[in-house]
Protein backbone atom coordinates (compact mmCIF):
# COMPACT_ATOMS: atom_id res chain seq x y z
CA UNK A 1 0.00 0.00 0.00
CA UNK A 2 1.07 3.56 -0.61
CA UNK A 3 0.88 4.70 3.01
CA UNK A 4 3.15 1.84 4.03
CA UNK A 5 5.64 2.76 1.31
CA UNK A 6 5.63 6.36 2.51
CA UNK A 7 6.20 5.26 6.12
CA UNK A 8 9.05 2.94 5.09
CA UNK A 9 10.70 5.74 3.11
CA UNK A 10 10.41 8.18 6.02
CA UNK A 11 11.88 5.64 8.46
CA UNK A 12 14.71 4.82 6.06
CA UNK A 13 15.64 8.46 5.48
CA UNK A 14 15.31 9.33 9.17
CA UNK A 15 17.64 6.56 10.30
CA UNK A 16 20.20 7.42 7.62
CA UNK A 17 20.09 11.11 8.55
CA UNK A 18 20.40 10.48 12.29
CA UNK A 19 23.23 7.99 11.86
CA UNK A 20 25.06 10.40 9.53
CA UNK A 21 24.83 13.25 12.06
CA UNK A 22 25.87 11.04 14.97
CA UNK A 23 28.68 9.52 12.91
CA UNK A 24 29.95 12.91 11.83
CA UNK A 25 29.92 14.32 15.35
CA UNK A 26 31.59 11.22 16.85
CA UNK A 27 34.16 11.08 14.06
CA UNK A 28 34.92 14.79 14.48
CA UNK A 29 35.38 14.45 18.24
CA UNK A 30 37.63 11.37 17.97
CA UNK A 31 39.29 12.67 14.77
CA UNK A 32 38.71 9.29 13.13
CA UNK A 33 36.89 9.28 9.80
CA UNK A 34 36.61 5.49 9.99
CA UNK A 35 34.17 5.71 12.91
CA UNK A 36 31.97 8.03 10.86
CA UNK A 37 31.84 5.46 8.06
CA UNK A 38 31.14 2.59 10.48
CA UNK A 39 28.29 4.44 12.18
CA UNK A 40 26.70 5.41 8.85
CA UNK A 41 27.03 1.82 7.61
CA UNK A 42 25.41 0.54 10.82
CA UNK A 43 22.55 3.02 10.32
CA UNK A 44 22.14 1.84 6.75
CA UNK A 45 22.04 -1.81 7.85
CA UNK A 46 19.49 -1.01 10.57
CA UNK A 47 17.30 0.95 8.16
CA UNK A 48 17.42 -1.90 5.62
CA UNK A 49 16.45 -4.38 8.32
CA UNK A 50 13.48 -2.22 9.35
CA UNK A 51 12.19 -1.24 5.91
CA UNK A 52 12.95 -3.97 3.36
CA UNK A 53 10.98 -6.93 4.77
CA UNK A 54 7.17 -6.68 4.40
CA UNK A 55 6.46 -6.02 8.09
CA UNK A 56 2.77 -5.86 9.12
CA UNK A 57 3.06 -2.16 9.99
CA UNK A 58 3.56 -1.44 6.26
CA UNK A 59 0.51 -3.49 5.17
CA UNK A 60 -2.26 -1.82 7.15
CA UNK A 61 -4.00 -0.24 4.14
CA UNK A 62 -4.17 -2.83 1.35
CA UNK A 63 -5.14 -1.76 -2.14
CA UNK A 64 -8.51 -2.81 -3.50
CA UNK A 65 -8.02 -4.64 -6.79
CA UNK A 66 -10.58 -5.15 -9.52
CA UNK A 67 -12.33 -8.52 -9.51
CA UNK A 68 -11.03 -11.20 -11.87
CA UNK A 69 -12.93 -11.40 -15.15
CA UNK A 70 -13.79 -14.69 -16.78
CA UNK A 71 -11.55 -15.65 -19.68
CA UNK A 72 -14.57 -16.48 -21.89
CA UNK A 73 -15.57 -12.81 -22.15
CA UNK A 74 -12.31 -11.89 -23.92
CA UNK A 75 -12.73 -14.64 -26.52
CA UNK A 76 -16.32 -13.55 -27.09
CA UNK A 77 -15.32 -9.92 -27.65
CA UNK A 78 -12.59 -10.77 -30.16
CA UNK A 79 -14.94 -13.10 -32.09
CA UNK A 80 -17.63 -10.39 -32.34
CA UNK A 81 -15.28 -7.85 -33.89
CA UNK A 82 -15.40 -7.28 -37.60
CA UNK A 83 -12.12 -7.50 -39.49
CA UNK A 84 -10.72 -4.12 -40.40
CA UNK A 85 -10.49 -3.12 -44.02
CA UNK A 86 -7.30 -1.56 -45.19
CA UNK A 87 -7.52 1.29 -47.65
CA UNK A 88 -5.83 0.62 -50.97
CA UNK A 89 -3.22 3.13 -52.00
């Protein structure tokens, strides 16, 4: 559903943003760029774990699909059509 997709996107972006800020601040304080990268990668892994699987919180508003039509109606429609005439040049 679209609301679930929007929620997943917001959670994903929020976790990435928070981990990037925390990683930058921690890396700046310790003067180690590696810690910044590790923290951002951990945030990315956490956000993937929370948003990629189809958790029930993302499936609360299912889409309503059209009912299935019988296959005999398509064959009937194509048989009722008249063949098209092509204009001669």
